[in-house]
PDB file of N, CA and C in Angstrom:
ATOM      1  N   UNK A   1       5.384  -9.738   8.902  1.00  0.00           N
ATOM      2  CA  UNK A   1       5.310 -10.165   7.340  1.00  0.00           C
ATOM      3  C   UNK A   1       3.815 -11.091   7.418  1.00  0.00           C
ATOM      4  N   UNK A   2       2.891 -10.635   8.811  1.00  0.00           N
ATOM      5  CA  UNK A   2       1.318 -11.335   8.463  1.00  0.00           C
ATOM      6  C   UNK A   2       0.601 -10.523   7.226  1.00  0.00           C
ATOM      7  N   UNK A   3       0.684  -9.375   7.666  1.00  0.00           N
ATOM      8  CA  UNK A   3       0.440  -8.225   7.036  1.00  0.00           C
ATOM      9  C   UNK A   3       0.189  -8.051   5.704  1.00  0.00           C
ATOM     10  N   UNK A   4       1.782  -8.246   5.332  1.00  0.00           N
ATOM     11  CA  UNK A   4       1.777  -7.760   3.837  1.00  0.00           C
ATOM     12  C   UNK A   4       1.389  -9.641   3.677  1.00  0.00           C
ATOM     13  N   UNK A   5       1.553 -10.349   3.572  1.00  0.00           N
ATOM     14  CA  UNK A   5       0.836 -11.412   3.112  1.00  0.00           C
ATOM     15  C   UNK A   5      -0.974 -11.559   3.258  1.00  0.00           C
ATOM     16  N   UNK A   6      -1.201 -10.780   4.163  1.00  0.00           N
ATOM     17  CA  UNK A   6      -2.841 -10.496   3.985  1.00  0.00           C
ATOM     18  C   UNK A   6      -3.054  -9.483   2.484  1.00  0.00           C
ATOM     19  N   UNK A   7      -2.767  -8.960   2.683  1.00  0.00           N
ATOM     20  CA  UNK A   7      -2.049  -7.710   1.378  1.00  0.00           C
ATOM     21  C   UNK A   7      -2.232  -8.317   0.425  1.00  0.00           C
ATOM     22  N   UNK A   8      -1.646  -9.628   0.112  1.00  0.00           N
ATOM     23  CA  UNK A   8      -0.793  -9.675  -1.100  1.00  0.00           C
ATOM     24  C   UNK A   8      -2.850 -11.015  -1.247  1.00  0.00           C
ATOM     25  N   UNK A   9      -2.909 -12.091  -0.255  1.00  0.00           N
ATOM     26  CA  UNK A   9      -3.848 -12.431   0.016  1.00  0.00           C
ATOM     27  C   UNK A   9      -5.582 -11.742  -0.925  1.00  0.00           C
ATOM     28  N   UNK A  10      -5.673 -10.452  -0.566  1.00  0.00           N
ATOM     29  CA  UNK A  10      -6.433 -10.037  -1.708  1.00  0.00           C
ATOM     30  C   UNK A  10      -6.372  -8.856  -2.477  1.00  0.00           C
ATOM     31  N   UNK A  11      -5.527  -9.456  -3.284  1.00  0.00           N
ATOM     32  CA  UNK A  11      -4.886  -9.274  -4.548  1.00  0.00           C
ATOM     33  C   UNK A  11      -5.673  -7.862  -5.188  1.00  0.00           C
ATOM     34  N   UNK A  12      -6.164  -8.161  -5.409  1.00  0.00           N
ATOM     35  CA  UNK A  12      -7.838  -7.194  -5.714  1.00  0.00           C
ATOM     36  C   UNK A  12      -8.876  -6.572  -5.330  1.00  0.00           C
ATOM     37  N   UNK A  13      -8.829  -6.868  -3.763  1.00  0.00           N
ATOM     38  CA  UNK A  13      -9.858  -6.662  -3.387  1.00  0.00           C
ATOM     39  C   UNK A  13     -10.048  -4.814  -2.597  1.00  0.00           C
ATOM     40  N   UNK A  14     -11.250  -4.228  -3.628  1.00  0.00           N
ATOM     41  CA  UNK A  14     -11.059  -2.777  -3.472  1.00  0.00           C
ATOM     42  C   UNK A  14     -12.283  -2.145  -2.471  1.00  0.00           C
ATOM     43  N   UNK A  15     -12.946  -2.763  -1.160  1.00  0.00           N
ATOM     44  CA  UNK A  15     -14.086  -2.979  -0.926  1.00  0.00           C
ATOM     45  C   UNK A  15     -13.902  -2.919   0.336  1.00  0.00           C
ATOM     46  N   UNK A  16     -14.292  -2.897   1.706  1.00  0.00           N
ATOM     47  CA  UNK A  16     -13.993  -3.096   2.832  1.00  0.00           C
ATOM     48  C   UNK A  16     -12.805  -2.142   3.481  1.00  0.00           C
ATOM     49  N   UNK A  17     -12.196  -2.877   4.423  1.00  0.00           N
ATOM     50  CA  UNK A  17     -11.902  -1.387   5.378  1.00  0.00           C
ATOM     51  C   UNK A  17     -10.390  -2.021   5.801  1.00  0.00           C
ATOM     52  N   UNK A  18      -8.980  -1.356   5.886  1.00  0.00           N
ATOM     53  CA  UNK A  18      -7.786  -1.829   6.086  1.00  0.00           C
ATOM     54  C   UNK A  18      -7.538  -1.052   7.360  1.00  0.00           C
ATOM     55  N   UNK A  19      -6.617  -1.346   8.658  1.00  0.00           N
ATOM     56  CA  UNK A  19      -6.561  -1.650   9.771  1.00  0.00           C
ATOM     57  C   UNK A  19      -5.222  -0.423   9.240  1.00  0.00           C
ATOM     58  N   UNK A  20      -5.171   0.917   9.965  1.00  0.00           N
ATOM     59  CA  UNK A  20      -3.973   2.008   9.930  1.00  0.00           C
ATOM     60  C   UNK A  20      -2.280   0.534   9.797  1.00  0.00           C
ATOM     61  N   UNK A  21      -2.380  -0.346  10.695  1.00  0.00           N
ATOM     62  CA  UNK A  21      -1.427  -1.772  10.783  1.00  0.00           C
ATOM     63  C   UNK A  21      -0.757  -2.344   9.796  1.00  0.00           C
ATOM     64  N   UNK A  22      -2.608  -2.547   9.030  1.00  0.00           N
ATOM     65  CA  UNK A  22      -2.124  -3.398   8.033  1.00  0.00           C
ATOM     66  C   UNK A  22      -1.581  -2.852   6.081  1.00  0.00           C
ATOM     67  N   UNK A  23      -1.760  -1.551   6.661  1.00  0.00           N
ATOM     68  CA  UNK A  23      -1.407  -0.664   5.261  1.00  0.00           C
ATOM     69  C   UNK A  23      -0.518  -0.472   5.692  1.00  0.00           C
ATOM     70  N   UNK A  24       0.491   0.372   6.871  1.00  0.00           N
ATOM     71  CA  UNK A  24       1.993   0.568   6.868  1.00  0.00           C
ATOM     72  C   UNK A  24       2.824  -0.571   6.986  1.00  0.00           C
ATOM     73  N   UNK A  25       2.328  -1.775   7.841  1.00  0.00           N
ATOM     74  CA  UNK A  25       3.390  -2.721   7.649  1.00  0.00           C
ATOM     75  C   UNK A  25       3.641  -2.806   6.525  1.00  0.00           C
ATOM     76  N   UNK A  26       2.173  -3.476   4.949  1.00  0.00           N
ATOM     77  CA  UNK A  26       2.313  -3.665   4.058  1.00  0.00           C
ATOM     78  C   UNK A  26       3.591  -2.437   3.466  1.00  0.00           C
ATOM     79  N   UNK A  27       3.788  -1.088   3.982  1.00  0.00           N
ATOM     80  CA  UNK A  27       4.087   0.235   2.737  1.00  0.00           C
ATOM     81  C   UNK A  27       6.074   0.142   3.638  1.00  0.00           C
ATOM     82  N   UNK A  28       5.908  -0.417   4.646  1.00  0.00           N
ATOM     83  CA  UNK A  28       7.214  -0.740   5.322  1.00  0.00           C
ATOM     84  C   UNK A  28       7.758  -1.629   4.426  1.00  0.00           C
ATOM     85  N   UNK A  29       7.027  -2.930   4.678  1.00  0.00           N
ATOM     86  CA  UNK A  29       7.768  -4.063   3.499  1.00  0.00           C
ATOM     87  C   UNK A  29       8.731  -3.749   2.177  1.00  0.00           C
ATOM     88  N   UNK A  30       7.411  -2.998   1.728  1.00  0.00           N
ATOM     89  CA  UNK A  30       8.093  -2.392   0.543  1.00  0.00           C
ATOM     90  C   UNK A  30       8.840  -1.502   0.062  1.00  0.00           C
ATOM     91  N   UNK A  31       8.915  -0.854   1.129  1.00  0.00           N
ATOM     92  CA  UNK A  31      10.065  -0.103   0.941  1.00  0.00           C
ATOM     93  C   UNK A  31      10.936  -0.753   0.973  1.00  0.00           C
ATOM     94  N   UNK A  32      10.944  -1.506   1.947  1.00  0.00           N
ATOM     95  CA  UNK A  32      12.359  -2.356   2.481  1.00  0.00           C
ATOM     96  C   UNK A  32      13.051  -2.963   1.235  1.00  0.00           C
ATOM     97  N   UNK A  33      11.678  -3.684   0.890  1.00  0.00           N
ATOM     98  CA  UNK A  33      11.715  -5.147  -1.181  1.00  0.00           C
ATOM     99  C   UNK A  33      12.672  -4.010  -1.807  1.00  0.00           C
ATOM    100  N   UNK A  34      11.766  -2.790  -2.483  1.00  0.00           N
ATOM    101  CA  UNK A  34      12.386  -2.017  -3.260  1.00  0.00           C
ATOM    102  C   UNK A  34      14.352  -1.575  -2.698  1.00  0.00           C
ATOM    103  N   UNK A  35      13.793  -1.531  -1.847  1.00  0.00           N
ATOM    104  CA  UNK A  35      15.835  -1.114  -1.473  1.00  0.00           C
ATOM    105  C   UNK A  35      16.809  -2.185  -1.430  1.00  0.00           C
ATOM    106  N   UNK A  36      16.363  -3.450  -1.382  1.00  0.00           N
ATOM    107  CA  UNK A  36      16.845  -4.575  -1.637  1.00  0.00           C
ATOM    108  C   UNK A  36      17.199  -4.933  -2.615  1.00  0.00           C
ATOM    109  N   UNK A  37      16.106  -4.716  -3.880  1.00  0.00           N
ATOM    110  CA  UNK A  37      15.909  -4.697  -5.227  1.00  0.00           C
ATOM    111  C   UNK A  37      16.623  -3.779  -6.309  1.00  0.00           C
ATOM    112  N   UNK A  38      16.893  -2.713  -5.756  1.00  0.00           N
ATOM    113  CA  UNK A  38      17.161  -1.386  -6.439  1.00  0.00           C
ATOM    114  C   UNK A  38      18.903  -1.546  -6.165  1.00  0.00           C
ATOM    115  N   UNK A  39      19.241  -2.509  -4.554  1.00  0.00           N
ATOM    116  CA  UNK A  39      21.108  -2.778  -4.945  1.00  0.00           C
ATOM    117  C   UNK A  39      21.113  -3.288  -5.523  1.00  0.00           C
ATOM    118  N   UNK A  40      20.371  -4.925  -5.623  1.00  0.00           N
ATOM    119  CA  UNK A  40      20.955  -6.111  -6.452  1.00  0.00           C
ATOM    120  C   UNK A  40      20.187  -5.877  -8.243  1.00  0.00           C
ATOM    121  N   UNK A  41      19.550  -4.748  -8.377  1.00  0.00           N
ATOM    122  CA  UNK A  41      19.990  -4.355  -9.887  1.00  0.00           C
ATOM    123  C   UNK A  41      21.000  -3.689  -9.647  1.00  0.00           C
ATOM    124  N   UNK A  42      21.980  -2.358  -8.993  1.00  0.00           N
ATOM    125  CA  UNK A  42      22.863  -2.116  -9.101  1.00  0.00           C
ATOM    126  C   UNK A  42      24.080  -3.139  -9.064  1.00  0.00           C
ATOM    127  N   UNK A  43      23.949  -4.297  -8.317  1.00  0.00           N
ATOM    128  CA  UNK A  43      25.281  -5.357  -8.559  1.00  0.00           C
ATOM    129  C   UNK A  43      25.595  -5.599 -10.226  1.00  0.00           C
ATOM    130  N   UNK A  44      23.758  -5.604 -10.069  1.00  0.00           N
ATOM    131  CA  UNK A  44      23.638  -6.825 -12.006  1.00  0.00           C
ATOM    132  C   UNK A  44      24.782  -6.137 -12.710  1.00  0.00           C
ATOM    133  N   UNK A  45      24.211  -4.350 -12.887  1.00  0.00           N
ATOM    134  CA  UNK A  45      24.330  -3.039 -13.610  1.00  0.00           C
ATOM    135  C   UNK A  45      25.803  -3.350 -13.866  1.00  0.00           C
ATOM    136  N   UNK A  46      26.398  -3.223 -12.730  1.00  0.00           N
ATOM    137  CA  UNK A  46      27.930  -3.102 -12.243  1.00  0.00           C
ATOM    138  C   UNK A  46      28.679  -4.317 -13.100  1.00  0.00           C
ATOM    139  N   UNK A  47      28.265  -5.430 -12.444  1.00  0.00           N
ATOM    140  CA  UNK A  47      28.817  -6.875 -13.039  1.00  0.00           C
ATOM    141  C   UNK A  47      28.872  -7.293 -14.620  1.00  0.00           C
ATOM    142  N   UNK A  48      27.610  -6.613 -15.607  1.00  0.00           N
ATOM    143  CA  UNK A  48      27.183  -7.333 -16.535  1.00  0.00           C
ATOM    144  C   UNK A  48      27.231  -6.128 -17.256  1.00  0.00           C
ATOM    145  N   UNK A  49      27.223  -4.672 -16.837  1.00  0.00           N
ATOM    146  CA  UNK A  49      27.206  -3.805 -18.182  1.00  0.00           C
ATOM    147  C   UNK A  49      26.190  -3.594 -18.951  1.00  0.00           C
ATOM    148  N   UNK A  50      24.541  -4.722 -18.050  1.00  0.00           N
ATOM    149  CA  UNK A  50      23.820  -4.615 -18.735  1.00  0.00           C
ATOM    150  C   UNK A  50      22.840  -4.028 -17.560  1.00  0.00           C
ATOM    151  N   UNK A  51      21.337  -3.970 -18.096  1.00  0.00           N
ATOM    152  CA  UNK A  51      20.274  -4.340 -17.616  1.00  0.00           C
ATOM    153  C   UNK A  51      20.020  -2.340 -17.285  1.00  0.00           C
ATOM    154  N   UNK A  52      18.623  -2.772 -16.381  1.00  0.00           N
ATOM    155  CA  UNK A  52      17.822  -1.118 -16.490  1.00  0.00           C
ATOM    156  C   UNK A  52      17.299  -1.222 -15.100  1.00  0.00           C
ATOM    157  N   UNK A  53      17.291  -2.122 -14.042  1.00  0.00           N
ATOM    158  CA  UNK A  53      16.818  -2.370 -13.299  1.00  0.00           C
ATOM    159  C   UNK A  53      15.148  -3.601 -13.003  1.00  0.00           C
ATOM    160  N   UNK A  54      15.519  -4.015 -14.362  1.00  0.00           N
ATOM    161  CA  UNK A  54      14.745  -5.053 -14.624  1.00  0.00           C
ATOM    162  C   UNK A  54      14.038  -5.930 -12.833  1.00  0.00           C
ATOM    163  N   UNK A  55      14.896  -6.322 -12.017  1.00  0.00           N
ATOM    164  CA  UNK A  55      13.594  -6.822 -10.721  1.00  0.00           C
ATOM    165  C   UNK A  55      12.475  -5.604  -9.905  1.00  0.00           C
ATOM    166  N   UNK A  56      14.053  -4.472  -9.818  1.00  0.00           N
ATOM    167  CA  UNK A  56      12.710  -3.333  -9.191  1.00  0.00           C
ATOM    168  C   UNK A  56      10.896  -3.206  -9.965  1.00  0.00           C
ATOM    169  N   UNK A  57      11.233  -3.326 -11.548  1.00  0.00           N
ATOM    170  CA  UNK A  57      10.490  -2.449 -12.502  1.00  0.00           C
ATOM    171  C   UNK A  57       9.465  -3.900 -12.258  1.00  0.00           C
ATOM    172  N   UNK A  58       9.766  -5.412 -12.344  1.00  0.00           N
ATOM    173  CA  UNK A  58       9.093  -6.961 -12.235  1.00  0.00           C
ATOM    174  C   UNK A  58       8.420  -6.278 -10.965  1.00  0.00           C
ATOM    175  N   UNK A  59       8.942  -6.545 -10.002  1.00  0.00           N
ATOM    176  CA  UNK A  59       8.147  -6.055  -8.279  1.00  0.00           C
ATOM    177  C   UNK A  59       6.975  -5.271  -8.466  1.00  0.00           C
ATOM    178  N   UNK A  60       7.109  -3.551  -8.902  1.00  0.00           N
ATOM    179  CA  UNK A  60       6.238  -2.704  -8.668  1.00  0.00           C
ATOM    180  C   UNK A  60       5.278  -3.241  -9.457  1.00  0.00           C
ATOM    181  N   UNK A  61       5.429  -3.551 -10.965  1.00  0.00           N
ATOM    182  CA  UNK A  61       4.406  -3.942 -11.400  1.00  0.00           C
ATOM    183  C   UNK A  61       3.727  -5.434 -10.547  1.00  0.00           C
ATOM    184  N   UNK A  62       3.880  -5.958 -10.030  1.00  0.00           N
ATOM    185  CA  UNK A  62       3.672  -7.156  -8.863  1.00  0.00           C
ATOM    186  C   UNK A  62       2.824  -6.850  -8.181  1.00  0.00           C
ATOM    187  N   UNK A  63       3.165  -5.717  -7.779  1.00  0.00           N
ATOM    188  CA  UNK A  63       2.945  -4.868  -5.650  1.00  0.00           C
ATOM    189  C   UNK A  63       1.454  -4.263  -6.539  1.00  0.00           C
ATOM    190  N   UNK A  64       1.927  -3.867  -7.693  1.00  0.00           N
ATOM    191  CA  UNK A  64       0.835  -2.348  -8.116  1.00  0.00           C
ATOM    192  C   UNK A  64      -0.804  -2.495  -7.579  1.00  0.00           C
ATOM    193  N   UNK A  65      -1.828  -3.582  -7.749  1.00  0.00           N
ATOM    194  CA  UNK A  65      -2.557  -4.551  -7.728  1.00  0.00           C
ATOM    195  C   UNK A  65      -2.859  -3.665  -6.362  1.00  0.00           C
ATOM    196  N   UNK A  66      -2.158  -4.806  -5.567  1.00  0.00           N
ATOM    197  CA  UNK A  66      -2.277  -5.236  -3.913  1.00  0.00           C
ATOM    198  C   UNK A  66      -2.032  -3.321  -2.879  1.00  0.00           C
ATOM    199  N   UNK A  67      -1.220  -2.674  -3.816  1.00  0.00           N
ATOM    200  CA  UNK A  67      -0.898  -1.330  -3.255  1.00  0.00           C
ATOM    201  C   UNK A  67      -2.363  -0.760  -3.894  1.00  0.00           C
ATOM    202  N   UNK A  68      -2.985  -0.868  -4.666  1.00  0.00           N
ATOM    203  CA  UNK A  68      -3.860   0.319  -4.891  1.00  0.00           C
ATOM    204  C   UNK A  68      -4.771  -0.171  -3.729  1.00  0.00           C
ATOM    205  N   UNK A  69      -5.077  -1.436  -3.911  1.00  0.00           N
ATOM    206  CA  UNK A  69      -6.143  -2.229  -2.871  1.00  0.00           C
ATOM    207  C   UNK A  69      -6.533  -1.352  -1.477  1.00  0.00           C
ATOM    208  N   UNK A  70      -5.219  -2.205  -0.763  1.00  0.00           N
ATOM    209  CA  UNK A  70      -4.961  -1.878   0.454  1.00  0.00           C
ATOM    210  C   UNK A  70      -5.074  -0.200   0.534  1.00  0.00           C
ATOM    211  N   UNK A  71      -5.053   1.179   0.125  1.00  0.00           N
ATOM    212  CA  UNK A  71      -4.934   2.213   0.378  1.00  0.00           C
ATOM    213  C   UNK A  71      -6.168   2.401  -0.062  1.00  0.00           C
ATOM    214  N   UNK A  72      -6.686   1.602  -0.473  1.00  0.00           N
ATOM    215  CA  UNK A  72      -8.654   2.229  -1.051  1.00  0.00           C
ATOM    216  C   UNK A  72      -8.723   1.568   0.595  1.00  0.00           C
ATOM    217  N   UNK A  73      -8.821   0.745   0.137  1.00  0.00           N
ATOM    218  CA  UNK A  73      -9.174  -0.352   1.582  1.00  0.00           C
ATOM    219  C   UNK A  73      -9.033   0.816   2.736  1.00  0.00           C
ATOM    220  N   UNK A  74      -7.706   1.052   3.204  1.00  0.00           N
ATOM    221  CA  UNK A  74      -7.040   2.567   4.187  1.00  0.00           C
ATOM    222  C   UNK A  74      -8.132   3.608   4.198  1.00  0.00           C
ATOM    223  N   UNK A  75      -7.952   4.098   2.732  1.00  0.00           N
ATOM    224  CA  UNK A  75      -8.909   5.479   2.832  1.00  0.00           C
ATOM    225  C   UNK A  75     -10.416   5.374   3.469  1.00  0.00           C
ATOM    226  N   UNK A  76     -11.432   4.062   2.640  1.00  0.00           N
ATOM    227  CA  UNK A  76     -12.366   3.934   3.521  1.00  0.00           C
ATOM    228  C   UNK A  76     -12.338   3.267   4.559  1.00  0.00           C
ATOM    229  N   UNK A  77     -11.385   3.030   5.484  1.00  0.00           N
ATOM    230  CA  UNK A  77     -11.314   3.118   6.846  1.00  0.00           C
ATOM    231  C   UNK A  77     -11.001   4.047   7.620  1.00  0.00           C
ATOM    232  N   UNK A  78     -11.233   4.901   7.084  1.00  0.00           N
ATOM    233  CA  UNK A  78     -11.514   6.914   7.582  1.00  0.00           C
ATOM    234  C   UNK A  78     -12.501   7.794   7.465  1.00  0.00           C
ATOM    235  N   UNK A  79     -13.102   6.381   6.061  1.00  0.00           N
ATOM    236  CA  UNK A  79     -14.637   7.025   5.975  1.00  0.00           C
ATOM    237  C   UNK A  79     -14.431   7.851   4.743  1.00  0.00           C
ATOM    238  N   UNK A  80     -14.022   7.793   3.952  1.00  0.00           N
ATOM    239  CA  UNK A  80     -13.499   8.265   2.941  1.00  0.00           C
ATOM    240  C   UNK A  80     -13.585   7.446   1.720  1.00  0.00           C
ATOM    241  N   UNK A  81     -14.022   8.158   0.122  1.00  0.00           N
ATOM    242  CA  UNK A  81     -14.432   7.370  -0.959  1.00  0.00           C
ATOM    243  C   UNK A  81     -12.459   7.256  -1.483  1.00  0.00           C
ATOM    244  N   UNK A  82     -12.297   5.872  -2.220  1.00  0.00           N
ATOM    245  CA  UNK A  82     -11.074   5.800  -2.511  1.00  0.00           C
ATOM    246  C   UNK A  82     -11.163   6.805  -3.412  1.00  0.00           C
ATOM    247  N   UNK A  83     -11.584   7.710  -4.346  1.00  0.00           N
ATOM    248  CA  UNK A  83     -11.408   8.656  -5.218  1.00  0.00           C
ATOM    249  C   UNK A  83     -10.240   9.402  -4.478  1.00  0.00           C
ATOM    250  N   UNK A  84     -10.294   9.114  -3.493  1.00  0.00           N
ATOM    251  CA  UNK A  84      -9.452  10.350  -2.800  1.00  0.00           C
ATOM    252  C   UNK A  84      -8.059   9.681  -2.772  1.00  0.00           C
ATOM    253  N   UNK A  85      -7.866   9.078  -3.760  1.00  0.00           N
ATOM    254  CA  UNK A  85      -6.399   8.361  -4.042  1.00  0.00           C
ATOM    255  C   UNK A  85      -5.701   9.105  -5.229  1.00  0.00           C
ATOM    256  N   UNK A  86      -6.535   9.988  -6.241  1.00  0.00           N
ATOM    257  CA  UNK A  86      -5.832  10.753  -7.511  1.00  0.00           C
ATOM    258  C   UNK A  86      -5.242  11.430  -6.639  1.00  0.00           C
ATOM    259  N   UNK A  87      -5.667  12.019  -5.318  1.00  0.00           N
ATOM    260  CA  UNK A  87      -4.667  13.068  -5.337  1.00  0.00           C
ATOM    261  C   UNK A  87      -2.886  13.003  -5.041  1.00  0.00           C
ATOM    262  N   UNK A  88      -3.053  11.312  -5.155  1.00  0.00           N
ATOM    263  CA  UNK A  88      -1.401  11.289  -5.065  1.00  0.00           C
ATOM    264  C   UNK A  88      -0.121  12.049  -6.679  1.00  0.00           C
ATOM    265  N   UNK A  89      -1.494  11.884  -7.591  1.00  0.00           N
ATOM    266  CA  UNK A  89      -1.342  12.145  -9.231  1.00  0.00           C
ATOM    267  C   UNK A  89      -1.376  14.089  -8.950  1.00  0.00           C
ATOM    268  N   UNK A  90      -1.397  14.703  -8.194  1.00  0.00           N
ATOM    269  CA  UNK A  90      -0.567  16.252  -7.804  1.00  0.00           C
ATOM    270  C   UNK A  90       0.454  16.361  -7.345  1.00  0.00           C
ATOM    271  N   UNK A  91       0.961  16.606  -7.518  1.00  0.00           N
ATOM    272  CA  UNK A  91       2.834  17.462  -7.029  1.00  0.00           C
ATOM    273  C   UNK A  91       2.323  18.062  -5.547  1.00  0.00           C
ATOM    274  N   UNK A  92       2.475  17.927  -4.556  1.00  0.00           N
ATOM    275  CA  UNK A  92       2.749  18.527  -3.453  1.00  0.00           C
ATOM    276  C   UNK A  92       1.350  18.113  -2.930  1.00  0.00           C
ATOM    277  N   UNK A  93      -0.157  18.640  -3.114  1.00  0.00           N
ATOM    278  CA  UNK A  93      -0.807  17.976  -2.630  1.00  0.00           C
ATOM    279  C   UNK A  93      -1.570  16.425  -2.067  1.00  0.00           C
ATOM    280  N   UNK A  94      -0.919  15.839  -3.015  1.00  0.00           N
ATOM    281  CA  UNK A  94      -0.895  14.114  -2.919  1.00  0.00           C
ATOM    282  C   UNK A  94      -0.190  14.041  -1.582  1.00  0.00           C
ATOM    283  N   UNK A  95       0.399  15.040  -0.544  1.00  0.00           N
ATOM    284  CA  UNK A  95       0.998  14.803   0.736  1.00  0.00           C
ATOM    285  C   UNK A  95      -0.365  14.903   1.976  1.00  0.00           C
ATOM    286  N   UNK A  96      -1.733  15.378   1.590  1.00  0.00           N
ATOM    287  CA  UNK A  96      -2.571  15.015   2.574  1.00  0.00           C
ATOM    288  C   UNK A  96      -3.076  13.863   2.700  1.00  0.00           C
ATOM    289  N   UNK A  97      -2.156  12.582   1.297  1.00  0.00           N
ATOM    290  CA  UNK A  97      -2.306  11.352   1.806  1.00  0.00           C
ATOM    291  C   UNK A  97      -2.097  10.410   3.569  1.00  0.00           C
ATOM    292  N   UNK A  98      -0.921  10.880   3.483  1.00  0.00           N
ATOM    293  CA  UNK A  98       0.150  10.468   4.500  1.00  0.00           C
ATOM    294  C   UNK A  98      -0.771  11.132   5.762  1.00  0.00           C
ATOM    295  N   UNK A  99      -1.449  12.207   5.630  1.00  0.00           N
ATOM    296  CA  UNK A  99      -2.221  12.431   6.749  1.00  0.00           C
ATOM    297  C   UNK A  99      -3.795  11.226   6.749  1.00  0.00           C
ATOM    298  N   UNK A 100      -4.372  11.218   5.479  1.00  0.00           N
ATOM    299  CA  UNK A 100      -5.272  10.273   5.873  1.00  0.00           C
ATOM    300  C   UNK A 100      -4.888   9.369   6.016  1.00  0.00           C
ATOM    301  N   UNK A 101      -3.199   8.734   5.800  1.00  0.00           N
ATOM    302  CA  UNK A 101      -3.207   7.169   5.738  1.00  0.00           C
ATOM    303  C   UNK A 101      -3.504   6.962   7.039  1.00  0.00           C
ATOM    304  N   UNK A 102      -2.790   8.442   7.810  1.00  0.00           N
ATOM    305  CA  UNK A 102      -2.043   8.124   9.453  1.00  0.00           C
ATOM    306  C   UNK A 102      -3.270   8.243  10.458  1.00  0.00           C
ATOM    307  N   UNK A 103      -4.081   8.710   9.993  1.00  0.00           N
ATOM    308  CA  UNK A 103      -5.165   8.725  11.333  1.00  0.00           C
ATOM    309  C   UNK A 103      -5.968   8.316  11.276  1.00  0.00           C
ATOM    310  N   UNK A 104      -6.654   7.657  12.749  1.00  0.00           N
ATOM    311  CA  UNK A 104      -6.928   6.124  12.988  1.00  0.00           C
ATOM    312  C   UNK A 104      -8.323   5.992  12.350  1.00  0.00           C
ATOM    313  N   UNK A 105      -8.846   4.698  12.790  1.00  0.00           N
ATOM    314  CA  UNK A 105     -10.252   4.519  11.996  1.00  0.00           C
ATOM    315  C   UNK A 105     -11.510   5.361  12.555  1.00  0.00           C
ATOM    316  N   UNK A 106     -12.076   5.122  11.481  1.00  0.00           N
ATOM    317  CA  UNK A 106     -13.771   5.451  11.584  1.00  0.00           C
ATOM    318  C   UNK A 106     -13.941   5.086  13.169  1.00  0.00           C
ATOM    319  N   UNK A 107     -14.463   5.263  14.508  1.00  0.00           N
ATOM    320  CA  UNK A 107     -14.702   4.966  15.942  1.00  0.00           C
ATOM    321  C   UNK A 107     -15.796   3.252  15.326  1.00  0.00           C
ATOM    322  N   UNK A 108     -17.135   3.475  14.454  1.00  0.00           N
ATOM    323  CA  UNK A 108     -18.252   2.861  14.738  1.00  0.00           C
ATOM    324  C   UNK A 108     -18.143   2.526  12.695  1.00  0.00           C
ATOM    325  N   UNK A 109     -19.221   1.911  12.929  1.00  0.00           N
ATOM    326  CA  UNK A 109     -19.376   0.941  11.325  1.00  0.00           C
ATOM    327  C   UNK A 109     -19.769   2.497  10.993  1.00  0.00           C
ATOM    328  N   UNK A 110     -18.648   2.773   9.369  1.00  0.00           N
ATOM    329  CA  UNK A 110     -19.315   3.493   8.237  1.00  0.00           C
ATOM    330  C   UNK A 110     -19.991   2.938   7.021  1.00  0.00           C
ATOM    331  N   UNK A 111     -20.647   3.989   6.080  1.00  0.00           N
ATOM    332  CA  UNK A 111     -21.085   3.630   4.877  1.00  0.00           C
ATOM    333  C   UNK A 111     -20.136   2.108   4.335  1.00  0.00           C
ATOM    334  N   UNK A 112     -19.184   1.512   4.675  1.00  0.00           N
ATOM    335  CA  UNK A 112     -18.261   0.694   3.908  1.00  0.00           C
ATOM    336  C   UNK A 112     -18.949  -0.781   4.566  1.00  0.00           C
ATOM    337  N   UNK A 113     -18.200  -0.836   5.572  1.00  0.00           N
ATOM    338  CA  UNK A 113     -18.480  -1.839   6.721  1.00  0.00           C
ATOM    339  C   UNK A 113     -18.075  -1.240   7.978  1.00  0.00           C
ATOM    340  N   UNK A 114     -18.730  -2.318   9.161  1.00  0.00           N
ATOM    341  CA  UNK A 114     -17.961  -2.363  10.412  1.00  0.00           C
ATOM    342  C   UNK A 114     -16.494  -2.026  10.121  1.00  0.00           C
ATOM    343  N   UNK A 115     -16.247  -1.675  12.031  1.00  0.00           N
ATOM    344  CA  UNK A 115     -15.009  -1.478  11.829  1.00  0.00           C
ATOM    345  C   UNK A 115     -14.543  -2.048  12.073  1.00  0.00           C
ATOM    346  N   UNK A 116     -12.542  -2.549  11.266  1.00  0.00           N
ATOM    347  CA  UNK A 116     -12.390  -3.879  11.790  1.00  0.00           C
ATOM    348  C   UNK A 116     -11.476  -4.108  13.449  1.00  0.00           C
ATOM    349  N   UNK A 117     -11.486  -3.597  13.741  1.00  0.00           N
ATOM    350  CA  UNK A 117     -11.132  -3.119  15.264  1.00  0.00           C
ATOM    351  C   UNK A 117     -12.365  -3.938  16.614  1.00  0.00           C
ATOM    352  N   UNK A 118     -13.778  -3.518  16.389  1.00  0.00           N
ATOM    353  CA  UNK A 118     -14.654  -3.804  16.638  1.00  0.00           C
ATOM    354  C   UNK A 118     -14.887  -5.147  16.470  1.00  0.00           C
ATOM    355  N   UNK A 119     -14.520  -5.342  15.133  1.00  0.00           N
ATOM    356  CA  UNK A 119     -15.020  -7.165  14.527  1.00  0.00           C
ATOM    357  C   UNK A 119     -13.807  -8.084  15.305  1.00  0.00           C
ATOM    358  N   UNK A 120     -12.571  -7.384  15.596  1.00  0.00           N
ATOM    359  CA  UNK A 120     -11.901  -8.381  16.232  1.00  0.00           C
ATOM    360  C   UNK A 120     -11.848  -8.589  17.439  1.00  0.00           C
ATOM    361  N   UNK A 121     -12.643  -7.366  18.747  1.00  0.00           N
ATOM    362  CA  UNK A 121     -13.303  -7.695  19.828  1.00  0.00           C
ATOM    363  C   UNK A 121     -13.965  -8.705  19.888  1.00  0.00           C
TER     364      UNK A 121
END
């Protein structure tokens, strides 16, 4: 949960680096929250007969900037530009991003900042 809150604190920070754990824990909690909100939206729709997924839509819009920020910082951690994130817009080719996000950090200082693993140690 700390990683999730840490990403939210860096709401619109697009420079620096994000470790693998920061990115993947944030992604895991996002998926869980989206599933819970989808169930709640379905219940609301069934009970009231109204609705179009307001809770899920509001959550997605609120979390958009932090999600883009942590993704760009994760790409920086693997010594790639944040512009690689645009691959997500290309069908099937965007799956390359999964590989990039799963790679280990650049072991030394790269063009963005020092390795966060080394700063903590």
